Protein backbone atom coordinates (compact mmCIF):
# COMPACT_ATOMS: atom_id res chain seq x y z
CA MET A 1 -11.19 61.07 67.12
CA HIS A 2 -12.71 62.84 70.09
CA ILE A 3 -13.89 60.56 72.93
CA GLY A 4 -16.66 61.65 75.24
CA GLY A 5 -16.28 60.75 78.87
CA GLU A 6 -18.27 58.02 80.60
CA GLY A 7 -18.11 56.31 83.96
CA VAL A 8 -16.45 53.07 84.92
CA GLU A 9 -18.82 50.09 85.08
CA GLU A 10 -18.73 46.38 85.75
CA ILE A 11 -19.43 43.67 83.22
CA ASN A 12 -22.95 42.31 83.35
CA VAL A 13 -22.74 38.53 83.95
CA VAL A 14 -25.79 36.25 83.97
CA LEU A 15 -26.20 32.48 84.19
CA ARG A 16 -28.72 30.43 82.21
CA MET A 17 -29.31 26.81 83.18
CA ARG A 18 -30.82 24.67 80.44
CA PRO A 19 -33.12 21.66 81.01
CA LEU A 20 -31.61 18.18 81.05
CA ASN A 21 -31.63 16.54 77.64
CA ASP A 22 -32.50 12.92 76.80
CA ARG A 23 -28.89 11.81 77.05
CA GLU A 24 -28.50 13.26 80.55
CA LEU A 25 -31.79 11.76 81.74
CA ASP A 26 -31.06 8.21 80.48
CA PRO A 27 -28.53 6.35 82.69
CA THR A 28 -27.88 3.81 79.93
CA LEU A 29 -26.39 6.53 77.75
CA GLN A 30 -23.97 7.71 80.42
CA LYS A 31 -20.46 6.43 81.10
CA SER A 32 -21.20 6.74 84.81
CA SER A 33 -24.15 5.85 87.00
CA VAL A 34 -25.27 9.44 87.63
CA GLY A 35 -27.65 9.69 84.67
CA GLY A 36 -30.68 11.83 85.52
CA GLN A 37 -29.10 13.25 88.68
CA ARG A 38 -28.59 16.97 89.24
CA ALA A 39 -25.42 18.36 90.77
CA TRP A 40 -26.46 22.04 90.95
CA LYS A 41 -29.43 23.88 92.39
CA ILE A 42 -30.55 27.44 91.69
CA VAL A 43 -31.27 29.86 94.53
CA PRO A 44 -33.27 32.65 92.78
CA LYS A 45 -33.54 34.82 95.92
CA HIS A 46 -29.79 35.35 96.02
CA ASN A 47 -29.12 34.95 92.28
CA SER A 48 -26.86 32.07 93.18
CA VAL A 49 -26.25 28.46 92.26
CA VAL A 50 -25.05 25.89 94.76
CA GLN A 51 -23.61 22.41 94.37
CA VAL A 52 -25.74 19.63 95.86
CA THR A 53 -25.41 15.98 96.78
CA PRO A 54 -27.29 13.23 94.87
CA ASP A 55 -30.13 13.48 97.43
CA GLY A 56 -30.45 17.26 96.84
CA LYS A 57 -28.67 18.62 99.91
CA ALA A 58 -26.48 21.70 99.48
CA ILE A 59 -22.75 21.27 99.90
CA PRO A 60 -21.45 24.02 102.21
CA ASN A 61 -19.05 26.47 100.66
CA SER A 62 -16.66 25.91 103.56
CA ASN A 63 -16.15 22.30 102.51
CA THR A 64 -13.43 23.08 100.02
CA SER A 65 -10.91 20.36 100.85
CA LYS A 66 -11.99 18.18 97.92
CA GLY A 67 -14.36 19.96 95.62
CA GLY A 68 -13.30 23.59 96.00
CA ARG A 69 -15.85 26.37 95.72
CA THR A 70 -19.48 25.23 95.70
CA ILE A 71 -21.54 28.47 95.72
CA PHE A 72 -21.45 31.06 92.95
CA THR A 73 -23.33 34.37 92.71
CA PHE A 74 -24.00 36.37 89.55
CA ASP A 75 -25.98 39.41 88.47
CA ARG A 76 -28.89 37.13 87.65
CA VAL A 77 -29.47 33.37 87.49
CA PHE A 78 -32.13 32.12 85.09
CA GLY A 79 -33.80 28.75 85.58
CA GLU A 80 -34.55 26.06 83.04
CA GLU A 81 -37.97 27.44 82.05
CA THR A 82 -36.79 31.00 81.36
CA LYS A 83 -37.49 32.44 77.91
CA THR A 84 -34.69 33.90 75.82
CA ARG A 85 -36.43 37.28 75.68
CA GLU A 86 -36.22 37.59 79.47
CA VAL A 87 -32.53 36.73 79.44
CA TYR A 88 -31.89 39.33 76.74
CA GLU A 89 -33.78 42.15 78.44
CA PHE A 90 -31.80 41.84 81.65
CA ALA A 91 -28.39 40.94 80.28
CA ALA A 92 -28.06 43.04 77.14
CA GLY A 93 -31.16 45.11 76.41
CA HIS A 94 -29.72 48.24 78.03
CA LEU A 95 -26.61 48.06 75.80
CA ILE A 96 -28.54 48.65 72.56
CA LYS A 97 -29.55 52.21 73.39
CA GLY A 98 -25.92 52.96 74.16
CA VAL A 99 -24.87 51.65 70.74
CA VAL A 100 -27.29 54.07 69.06
CA ASP A 101 -25.80 56.87 71.16
CA GLY A 102 -22.24 55.95 70.11
CA LEU A 103 -21.08 53.45 72.76
CA ASN A 104 -19.42 50.20 71.69
CA ALA A 105 -20.92 46.98 73.10
CA SER A 106 -20.14 43.26 73.01
CA ILE A 107 -22.43 40.41 74.07
CA PHE A 108 -20.83 36.99 74.70
CA ALA A 109 -22.37 33.53 74.96
CA TYR A 110 -19.99 31.29 76.95
CA GLY A 111 -20.15 27.69 78.16
CA GLN A 112 -19.10 24.10 77.60
CA THR A 113 -20.12 22.23 74.49
CA SER A 114 -23.85 21.35 74.32
CA SER A 115 -24.74 23.88 77.04
CA GLY A 116 -27.18 25.96 74.97
CA LYS A 117 -24.99 28.86 73.77
CA THR A 118 -26.04 28.77 70.11
CA HIS A 119 -29.67 28.23 71.13
CA THR A 120 -29.45 31.36 73.29
CA MET A 121 -27.60 33.53 70.79
CA GLN A 122 -29.03 32.47 67.40
CA GLY A 123 -32.38 30.96 68.34
CA ALA A 124 -34.00 27.55 68.68
CA LYS A 125 -32.99 26.33 65.21
CA SER A 126 -31.31 29.04 63.17
CA ILE A 127 -31.39 32.78 62.57
CA LYS A 128 -33.69 32.20 59.61
CA SER A 129 -36.08 30.19 61.78
CA GLY A 130 -36.11 32.95 64.40
CA MET A 131 -37.19 35.42 61.73
CA MET A 132 -40.25 33.27 60.97
CA LYS A 133 -41.37 32.46 64.52
CA LEU A 134 -40.95 34.70 67.54
CA GLU A 135 -40.70 31.72 69.90
CA ASN A 136 -37.58 30.58 68.00
CA ALA A 137 -35.88 33.99 68.29
CA GLY A 138 -32.51 34.40 70.01
CA ILE A 139 -30.44 37.25 71.41
CA ILE A 140 -29.50 38.30 67.86
CA HIS A 141 -33.15 38.78 66.81
CA HIS A 142 -34.08 40.77 69.91
CA ALA A 143 -30.96 42.96 69.70
CA ALA A 144 -31.49 43.69 65.99
CA THR A 145 -35.16 44.55 66.53
CA ASP A 146 -34.41 46.89 69.42
CA LEU A 147 -31.57 48.47 67.46
CA PHE A 148 -33.91 49.62 64.70
CA HIS A 149 -36.49 50.80 67.26
CA GLU A 150 -33.86 52.88 69.05
CA MET A 151 -32.58 54.33 65.77
CA GLU A 152 -36.11 55.31 64.80
CA ARG A 153 -36.59 56.96 68.19
CA ALA A 154 -33.31 58.84 68.00
CA SER A 155 -33.98 59.85 64.39
CA LEU A 156 -37.26 61.52 65.41
CA LYS A 157 -36.06 62.95 68.72
CA GLU A 158 -32.58 64.10 67.73
CA ASN A 159 -33.13 64.43 63.97
CA ARG A 160 -30.31 62.04 63.11
CA LYS A 161 -29.72 59.78 60.11
CA TYR A 162 -28.37 56.26 60.67
CA SER A 163 -26.63 53.63 58.55
CA LEU A 164 -25.60 50.06 59.36
CA LEU A 165 -22.75 47.90 58.08
CA VAL A 166 -22.67 44.17 58.87
CA SER A 167 -19.79 41.67 58.89
CA VAL A 168 -19.58 38.06 60.09
CA ILE A 169 -16.20 36.63 61.12
CA GLU A 170 -15.26 33.11 62.23
CA VAL A 171 -12.27 31.93 64.26
CA TYR A 172 -11.61 28.35 63.14
CA ASN A 173 -8.44 26.44 64.03
CA GLU A 174 -6.71 29.72 64.89
CA GLN A 175 -7.58 31.25 61.52
CA LEU A 176 -9.92 34.17 60.87
CA ARG A 177 -12.42 33.63 58.03
CA ASP A 178 -14.79 36.12 56.42
CA LEU A 179 -18.16 34.35 56.28
CA LEU A 180 -19.75 36.96 53.98
CA SER A 181 -16.98 36.82 51.39
CA LYS A 182 -17.67 34.98 48.12
CA GLU A 183 -13.97 34.37 47.51
CA LYS A 184 -12.55 30.91 48.08
CA ASN A 185 -9.57 32.29 49.98
CA ASN A 186 -11.52 34.24 52.60
CA LYS A 187 -8.89 34.22 55.35
CA LEU A 188 -8.34 37.52 57.15
CA ARG A 189 -5.27 39.12 58.65
CA ILE A 190 -5.44 41.11 61.87
CA ARG A 191 -4.07 44.60 61.34
CA GLU A 192 -3.35 47.48 63.67
CA ASN A 193 -2.55 51.16 63.31
CA ARG A 194 -2.80 54.24 65.45
CA GLU A 195 -5.90 55.60 63.77
CA ARG A 196 -8.07 52.45 63.62
CA GLY A 197 -6.52 50.29 66.30
CA VAL A 198 -6.97 46.52 65.84
CA TYR A 199 -9.11 45.65 62.82
CA VAL A 200 -9.61 43.26 59.89
CA ASP A 201 -10.57 44.04 56.29
CA ALA A 202 -13.76 41.98 56.21
CA VAL A 203 -16.70 42.41 53.85
CA ARG A 204 -19.24 44.88 55.22
CA TYR A 205 -22.81 44.50 54.01
CA ASN A 206 -25.02 47.59 53.98
CA ALA A 207 -28.19 46.74 55.93
CA SER A 208 -30.80 49.48 55.74
CA THR A 209 -33.71 47.42 57.11
CA LEU A 210 -34.24 44.79 59.80
CA PRO A 211 -34.82 41.93 57.29
CA LYS A 212 -31.64 42.85 55.41
CA LEU A 213 -29.66 42.85 58.66
CA LEU A 214 -30.98 39.45 59.77
CA ASN A 215 -30.55 37.96 56.29
CA ALA A 216 -26.91 39.03 56.26
CA LEU A 217 -26.31 37.49 59.69
CA SER A 218 -28.14 34.35 58.56
CA ALA A 219 -25.93 34.10 55.46
CA GLY A 220 -22.85 34.20 57.66
CA GLU A 221 -24.29 31.62 60.06
CA ARG A 222 -24.85 29.14 57.22
CA ASN A 223 -21.14 29.29 56.36
CA ARG A 224 -20.03 28.47 59.89
CA VAL A 225 -18.23 25.17 60.50
CA VAL A 226 -20.43 22.70 62.38
CA ALA A 227 -20.16 18.92 62.82
CA LYS A 228 -21.72 16.00 64.66
CA THR A 229 -20.00 15.01 67.91
CA THR A 230 -20.71 12.68 70.79
CA LEU A 231 -22.60 15.36 72.71
CA ASN A 232 -24.24 17.34 69.93
CA LYS A 233 -25.66 16.63 66.48
CA ARG A 234 -24.71 20.13 65.28
CA SER A 235 -21.76 21.17 67.36
CA SER A 236 -20.16 24.55 66.64
CA ARG A 237 -16.54 23.93 65.70
CA SER A 238 -15.56 27.60 65.70
CA HIS A 239 -16.16 30.94 67.40
CA ILE A 240 -18.34 33.34 65.41
CA ILE A 241 -18.58 37.15 65.73
CA PHE A 242 -21.60 38.97 64.31
CA SER A 243 -20.50 42.59 64.04
CA VAL A 244 -22.80 45.55 63.37
CA HIS A 245 -21.21 48.95 62.72
CA VAL A 246 -23.61 51.85 63.41
CA GLU A 247 -22.97 55.37 62.08
CA SER A 248 -25.11 58.47 62.47
CA VAL A 249 -24.98 62.10 61.37
CA ASP A 250 -26.97 65.15 62.37
CA LYS A 251 -29.44 66.10 59.64
CA ILE A 252 -29.65 69.74 60.79
CA GLU A 253 -27.68 72.02 58.48
CA GLY A 254 -24.91 73.98 60.10
CA VAL A 255 -24.61 71.59 63.05
CA GLY A 256 -21.55 69.37 62.86
CA ALA A 257 -18.74 67.98 64.89
CA GLY A 258 -17.18 71.41 65.25
CA ALA A 259 -20.36 72.75 66.77
CA ALA A 260 -20.68 69.70 68.96
CA LYS A 261 -17.30 70.36 70.55
CA ASN A 262 -18.49 73.63 72.03
CA LYS A 263 -21.83 72.27 73.31
CA SER A 264 -22.59 70.30 76.43
CA ASN A 265 -25.69 68.63 77.76
CA LYS A 266 -27.09 68.84 81.26
CA GLN A 267 -24.82 66.10 82.56
CA GLY A 268 -21.73 67.96 81.35
CA ARG A 269 -21.10 65.48 78.56
CA PRO A 270 -20.12 66.64 75.10
CA SER A 271 -23.03 67.07 72.73
CA THR A 272 -23.70 64.14 70.46
CA ALA A 273 -24.35 66.31 67.40
CA GLY A 274 -22.19 65.62 64.38
CA MET A 275 -21.04 62.16 63.37
CA ARG A 276 -21.16 59.27 65.85
CA PHE A 277 -20.31 55.63 65.40
CA ALA A 278 -20.25 52.43 67.45
CA ASN A 279 -19.74 48.68 67.05
CA LEU A 280 -22.10 46.01 68.35
CA ASN A 281 -20.47 42.56 68.55
CA LEU A 282 -22.60 39.46 69.15
CA ILE A 283 -20.18 36.63 69.94
CA ASP A 284 -21.14 32.95 70.04
CA LEU A 285 -18.15 31.10 71.46
CA ALA A 286 -17.55 27.43 70.73
CA GLY A 287 -17.81 25.19 73.78
CA SER A 288 -14.84 23.69 75.57
CA GLU A 289 -14.48 19.94 75.19
CA SER A 290 -13.39 17.48 77.85
CA VAL A 291 -11.30 14.52 76.74
CA ARG A 292 -13.29 12.17 78.97
CA HIS A 293 -16.50 13.01 77.06
CA ARG A 294 -14.92 12.69 73.66
CA SER A 295 -15.75 9.58 71.67
CA SER A 296 -12.95 7.13 70.96
CA HIS A 297 -14.10 7.23 67.34
CA SER A 298 -13.43 10.95 66.98
CA THR A 299 -11.62 11.82 63.77
CA GLU A 300 -8.36 13.69 63.56
CA ASN A 301 -10.22 16.81 62.42
CA ARG A 302 -12.55 16.72 65.44
CA ARG A 303 -9.59 16.35 67.81
CA LYS A 304 -7.73 19.20 66.15
CA GLU A 305 -10.79 21.44 66.30
CA GLY A 306 -11.32 20.60 69.97
CA GLY A 307 -7.71 21.41 70.78
CA SER A 308 -7.92 24.80 69.04
CA ILE A 309 -11.17 25.64 70.84
CA ASN A 310 -9.77 24.76 74.26
CA LYS A 311 -6.60 26.75 73.59
CA SER A 312 -8.47 29.91 72.63
CA LEU A 313 -10.87 29.64 75.58
CA LEU A 314 -7.97 29.10 78.00
CA THR A 315 -6.27 32.19 76.61
CA LEU A 316 -9.52 34.13 76.99
CA SER A 317 -9.77 33.00 80.61
CA LEU A 318 -6.19 34.08 81.33
CA VAL A 319 -6.77 37.44 79.67
CA ILE A 320 -9.93 37.99 81.75
CA GLN A 321 -8.04 36.99 84.90
CA ALA A 322 -5.23 39.44 84.13
CA LEU A 323 -7.64 42.26 83.33
CA GLY A 324 -9.54 41.67 86.58
CA ALA A 325 -6.46 41.56 88.81
CA PRO A 326 -5.87 44.44 91.24
CA ALA A 327 -3.86 47.32 89.84
CA LYS A 328 -0.75 46.53 91.86
CA ARG A 329 -0.77 42.91 90.67
CA GLN A 330 -1.60 43.53 87.05
CA ALA A 331 0.94 42.19 84.59
CA HIS A 332 1.25 42.31 80.83
CA VAL A 333 -1.87 40.93 79.15
CA ASN A 334 -0.84 38.86 76.17
CA PHE A 335 -3.76 39.13 73.77
CA ARG A 336 -1.61 37.69 70.97
CA ASP A 337 -1.63 34.14 72.35
CA SER A 338 -4.86 33.48 70.46
CA LYS A 339 -6.50 34.93 67.36
CA LEU A 340 -9.75 35.16 69.32
CA THR A 341 -8.37 37.37 72.09
CA ARG A 342 -6.29 39.37 69.62
CA PHE A 343 -9.34 40.18 67.52
CA LEU A 344 -11.45 40.95 70.62
CA GLN A 345 -8.76 43.06 72.25
CA PRO A 346 -10.63 46.38 71.68
CA SER A 347 -13.79 44.91 73.25
CA LEU A 348 -12.09 43.30 76.25
CA SER A 349 -9.75 46.08 77.31
CA GLY A 350 -10.80 49.17 75.46
CA ASN A 351 -13.79 51.29 74.77
CA SER A 352 -16.67 48.81 75.03
CA ARG A 353 -19.49 47.75 77.35
CA LEU A 354 -19.67 43.99 77.93
CA ALA A 355 -22.29 41.41 78.80
CA PHE A 356 -21.62 37.69 79.34
CA ILE A 357 -24.38 35.08 79.16
CA CYS A 358 -22.92 31.90 80.65
CA CYS A 359 -24.80 28.73 79.75
CA ALA A 360 -24.61 25.50 81.75
CA THR A 361 -26.39 22.28 82.65
CA SER A 362 -27.16 21.03 86.14
CA SER A 363 -26.52 17.39 85.16
CA ALA A 364 -24.20 15.46 87.48
CA SER A 365 -22.52 14.00 84.36
CA PHE A 366 -20.85 17.37 83.72
CA THR A 367 -20.19 18.63 87.24
CA GLU A 368 -16.58 19.61 86.61
CA GLU A 369 -17.28 21.27 83.27
CA THR A 370 -20.13 23.31 84.77
CA LYS A 371 -17.98 24.37 87.71
CA SER A 372 -15.29 25.54 85.27
CA THR A 373 -17.89 27.73 83.57
CA PHE A 374 -18.94 29.23 86.94
CA GLN A 375 -15.33 29.98 87.85
CA PHE A 376 -14.76 31.75 84.53
CA ALA A 377 -17.94 33.82 85.03
CA SER A 378 -16.81 34.80 88.54
CA ARG A 379 -13.48 36.10 87.21
CA ILE A 380 -15.28 38.24 84.65
CA LYS A 381 -17.02 40.14 87.46
CA ASN A 382 -13.64 41.48 88.55
CA VAL A 383 -13.09 43.24 85.20
CA LYS A 384 -14.10 46.89 84.88
CA THR A 385 -14.77 48.74 81.65
CA GLN A 386 -14.96 52.41 80.73
CA SER A 387 -17.07 52.93 77.65
CA LYS A 388 -16.96 56.23 75.81
CA ILE A 389 -19.03 57.88 73.13
CA ASN A 390 -17.28 57.86 69.77
CA LEU A 391 -17.51 61.25 68.07
CA VAL A 392 -15.76 62.42 64.93
CA ASP A 393 -14.03 65.74 65.67
CA GLU A 394 -13.19 67.96 62.70
CA ASP A 395 -10.07 69.09 64.55
CA ASP A 396 -8.89 65.52 65.04
CA GLY A 397 -5.70 65.08 63.02
CA SER A 398 -5.90 61.30 63.00
CA THR A 399 -9.35 61.33 61.43
CA LEU A 400 -8.19 63.86 58.85
CA ARG A 401 -5.24 61.66 57.97
CA ARG A 402 -7.51 58.63 57.66
CA VAL A 403 -9.94 60.52 55.42
CA ASN A 404 -7.08 61.84 53.28
CA ALA A 405 -5.65 58.34 52.94
CA GLU A 406 -9.04 56.99 51.88
CA MET A 407 -9.43 59.83 49.37
CA LYS A 408 -5.99 59.06 47.97
CA VAL A 409 -6.94 55.43 47.48
CA MET A 410 -10.21 56.44 45.84
CA ARG A 411 -8.44 58.84 43.49
CA ALA A 412 -5.98 56.13 42.48
CA THR A 413 -8.89 53.78 41.90
CA LEU A 414 -10.63 56.43 39.81
CA VAL A 415 -7.52 56.95 37.66
CA THR A 416 -7.16 53.22 37.11
CA THR A 417 -10.83 52.88 36.28
CA SER A 418 -10.67 55.81 33.82
CA GLU A 419 -7.62 54.31 32.11
CA ASN A 420 -9.31 50.94 31.81
CA TYR A 421 -12.42 52.62 30.44
CA ARG A 422 -10.36 54.44 27.80
CA LYS A 423 -8.69 51.19 26.75
CA LEU A 424 -12.06 49.50 26.49
CA GLN A 425 -13.35 52.35 24.32
CA ILE A 426 -10.37 51.92 21.94
CA GLU A 427 -10.88 48.18 21.82
CA ASN A 428 -14.57 48.72 21.18
CA SER A 429 -13.82 51.11 18.29
CA ASP A 430 -11.40 48.60 16.75
CA LEU A 431 -13.95 45.84 17.06
CA ARG A 432 -16.61 48.00 15.38
CA THR A 433 -14.23 48.70 12.46
CA LEU A 434 -13.48 45.01 12.13
CA VAL A 435 -17.18 44.21 12.12
CA ASP A 436 -17.75 46.77 9.31
CA VAL A 437 -14.95 45.26 7.20
CA LEU A 438 -16.24 41.75 7.71
CA THR A 439 -19.75 42.90 6.82
CA GLN A 440 -18.50 44.39 3.53
CA ASP A 441 -16.56 41.20 2.73
CA LYS A 442 -19.66 39.18 3.39
CA GLN A 443 -21.73 41.39 1.04
CA ARG A 444 -19.15 41.10 -1.73
CA ALA A 445 -19.11 37.33 -1.34
CA LEU A 446 -22.90 37.23 -1.58
CA ASN A 447 -22.84 39.38 -4.75
CA ARG A 448 -20.22 37.11 -6.32
CA ILE A 449 -22.33 34.04 -5.52
CA LYS A 450 -25.38 35.67 -7.17
CA MET A 451 -23.35 36.54 -10.31
CA LEU A 452 -21.98 32.99 -10.60
CA GLU A 453 -25.45 31.57 -10.20
CA SER A 454 -26.67 33.86 -13.01
CA VAL A 455 -23.85 32.77 -15.34
CA LYS A 456 -24.53 29.15 -14.50
CA GLU A 457 -28.20 29.60 -15.34
CA GLN A 458 -27.38 31.24 -18.70
CA GLU A 459 -25.00 28.44 -19.66
CA GLU A 460 -27.58 25.82 -18.78
CA ASN A 461 -30.20 27.61 -20.90
CA LYS A 462 -27.77 27.85 -23.82
CA LEU A 463 -26.95 24.13 -23.67
CA GLU A 464 -30.63 23.27 -23.54
CA GLY A 465 -31.24 25.43 -26.67
CA GLU A 466 -28.47 23.75 -28.66
CA ASN A 467 -29.74 20.31 -27.77
CA GLY A 468 -33.20 21.34 -28.89
CA ASN A 469 -31.95 22.50 -32.41
CA THR A 470 -30.09 19.20 -33.00
CA ARG A 471 -33.18 17.19 -32.20
CA GLY A 472 -35.22 19.27 -34.64
CA TYR A 473 -32.74 18.70 -37.51
CA VAL A 474 -32.86 14.95 -37.01
CA GLU A 475 -36.62 14.98 -37.02
CA ARG A 476 -36.65 16.77 -40.45
CA GLY A 477 -34.74 13.84 -42.05
CA ALA A 478 -31.15 15.03 -41.87
CA PRO A 479 -28.53 12.29 -42.07
CA MET A 480 -27.81 10.79 -38.67
CA ILE A 481 -24.16 11.23 -37.74
CA SER A 482 -22.70 8.43 -35.74
CA SER A 483 -19.10 8.48 -34.66
CA PRO A 484 -17.11 5.46 -35.75
CA THR A 485 -15.78 3.22 -33.05
CA PRO A 486 -12.16 4.21 -32.34
CA GLY A 487 -9.69 1.64 -33.59
CA LYS A 488 -12.17 0.03 -36.07
CA GLU A 489 -11.10 -0.23 -39.75
CA GLU A 490 -13.20 -0.28 -42.97
CA ARG A 491 -12.15 -2.20 -46.04
CA SER A 492 -12.38 -0.89 -49.65
CA PRO A 493 -13.84 -3.02 -52.42
CA ASN A 494 -10.34 -3.95 -53.60
CA GLY A 495 -9.64 -5.53 -50.21
CA VAL A 496 -7.17 -2.90 -49.05
CA ALA A 497 -7.77 -1.97 -45.44
CA GLU A 498 -8.25 1.74 -45.04
CA GLU A 499 -8.48 3.51 -41.78
CA ASN A 500 -11.72 5.38 -41.35
CA SER A 501 -10.82 8.97 -40.66
CA GLY A 502 -14.30 10.03 -39.61
CA PRO A 503 -15.99 13.33 -40.55
CA GLY A 504 -12.76 14.81 -41.99
CA ALA A 505 -12.69 12.23 -44.80
CA PHE A 506 -16.30 12.99 -45.69
CA ASP A 507 -15.54 16.70 -45.98
CA GLU A 508 -12.74 16.01 -48.48
CA ASP A 509 -14.94 13.68 -50.62
CA PHE A 510 -17.84 16.06 -50.59
CA GLY A 511 -15.59 18.95 -51.57
CA TYR A 512 -14.28 16.98 -54.55
CA LEU A 513 -17.80 16.18 -55.77
CA ALA A 514 -18.82 19.79 -55.35
CA ASP A 515 -15.91 20.88 -57.59
CA VAL A 516 -16.97 18.35 -60.24
CA MET A 517 -20.51 19.66 -60.19
CA ASP A 518 -19.33 23.25 -60.50
CA LYS A 519 -17.21 22.41 -63.52
CA LEU A 520 -20.10 20.59 -65.17
CA ALA A 521 -22.38 23.52 -64.59
CA ASN A 522 -19.93 26.21 -65.82
CA ASP A 523 -18.18 24.45 -68.77
CA ASP A 524 -19.97 25.29 -72.07
CA SER A 525 -17.57 23.43 -74.39
CA ARG A 526 -19.11 20.10 -73.45
CA SER A 527 -16.59 18.18 -75.65
CA THR A 528 -16.71 14.50 -75.08
CA ILE A 529 -14.18 11.84 -74.75
CA ASN A 530 -15.51 8.38 -74.73
CA GLY A 531 -18.99 9.81 -74.24
CA MET A 532 -18.01 12.11 -71.37
CA PRO A 533 -17.24 15.85 -71.31
CA SER A 534 -13.69 16.53 -72.34
CA ASN A 535 -13.00 18.58 -69.24
CA ILE A 536 -13.86 15.67 -66.99
CA ARG A 537 -11.08 13.18 -66.52
CA PRO A 538 -12.04 9.52 -66.43
CA ILE A 539 -12.54 8.05 -63.08
CA SER A 540 -10.13 5.27 -62.39
CA PRO A 541 -11.35 2.05 -60.81
CA SER A 542 -9.59 2.91 -57.59
CA ALA A 543 -11.17 6.33 -57.51
CA MET A 544 -14.52 4.83 -58.36
CA SER A 545 -14.14 2.33 -55.59
CA GLU A 546 -13.37 5.23 -53.28
CA VAL A 547 -16.42 7.10 -54.46
CA THR A 548 -18.69 4.12 -54.21
CA ALA A 549 -17.34 2.96 -50.88
CA PRO A 550 -20.07 2.92 -48.20
CA THR A 551 -19.84 5.72 -45.66
CA ARG A 552 -21.87 6.82 -42.71
CA TYR A 553 -23.61 9.35 -44.99
CA GLY A 554 -24.84 6.70 -47.51
CA SER A 555 -23.54 5.76 -51.00
CA HIS A 556 -21.51 8.23 -53.12
CA ARG A 557 -22.72 6.35 -56.23
CA SER A 558 -26.31 7.23 -55.43
CA LEU A 559 -25.30 10.84 -55.04
CA LEU A 560 -23.56 10.87 -58.47
CA GLU A 561 -26.49 9.21 -60.10
CA SER A 562 -28.86 11.74 -58.60
CA ILE A 563 -26.94 14.59 -60.24
CA GLY A 564 -26.59 12.83 -63.63
CA VAL A 565 -22.91 11.89 -63.53
């Protein structure tokens, strides 16, 4: 990565005093008797703020035996009636053009709890509300709007193409959370290497338009941890970093980073043709909390959150103090004491332009907390930064290694995806074959059901036909056949009980009579014995009783008489 040279500059530090709220104006809501009193007075002519007595008289700066320093001067001091747009234009407006040109920038909102930081950074109610009404807009809305205006200007003037990537990160209880991630476990680890420096693998949302950018920031804001405290109904319980990564490339063919290296502008700076990139960080810090203003009913979670916030802000103050110390007194700056300072290390000590908007209240109820904010802001003024344009140089070995590493990962991902696709194709083919087999089985089952239904119908028709023939025979006068009751016995005329054998017995009797009739019809000798044909044996009484016994077909005697026997 080739770095263009830039000059050393100081951090822009401004102070914004908010109006007193209802709690500060009402003495009955205060733990002390100073409700409604002001302890600080703005001196616009000198961009200063001075501590005053209850009757409004300034406390000389020389009177430091008890209260310490009483007068503080900043780059600009904004009064209670100042609009957020005015604060933005002076404090941070000039940084946006630098971001489009490839210079990193970070804008901080610092102050005690309930001092107006979130109101200044995100707007009167929320980022979404600021999108609907201009009067509710915060620093984020103004910076995003100007960013797109500057990109449009540069695109027309320099013929460049821009792209934006957005991420939203929260520092809560010394843990980094990705507020745009949909995963439940959205904790992030801080990483560092020679090519990328300090970074985290957070979700980056592609924002091609202003509404998309603000919607992404709004989505992250909604996931931030907030809670009701003694001093604020919606107190921020974490630090939040809205990060916008800006990349641009020259749209003119044949002009790239290699060409840019050999070109210079009128100021002797390297040409900005080729690929440029920069990060814009908008940081809304949680407010420090004093134990004396904390409610006795605070929960364990609120106390833990307050402790983590105070620890990270103290570490930030020590880091700022070390960075602003004279060169001969500078010692090792331990960014690792807090996740906040570790993550912001590139912005605080590296290649980034900084702006601090310190928010405070003039209420006498928070004199010490406000003075602590002023002291922190004064230390920031001692820090110097040296921002540089970020250009991608085609001869830069580190960039080439990073690109090769990314290509290697992408190739591995492509191989894995191709293998998974092939497996899915095989599984899909097997499923199609199974579906075909099941379809054929279903069709065969349907055909079998139709065949069985046809057979059933034929059998029913056949049974109906047989029943119809039997009914017709009975109607023509055929003997009615009735089955004898099982187990019943019939007695012969001689009193001997004989078991009725049913239709089989009738067949035997009828066969015997048929033989007799055949013999009578075919025997021509007709000799008689006792008046009967000689070829007919006499019928014994037992046989006659058998013949004349009543049966279910009627009397055998009647049958013999009808044929002349």
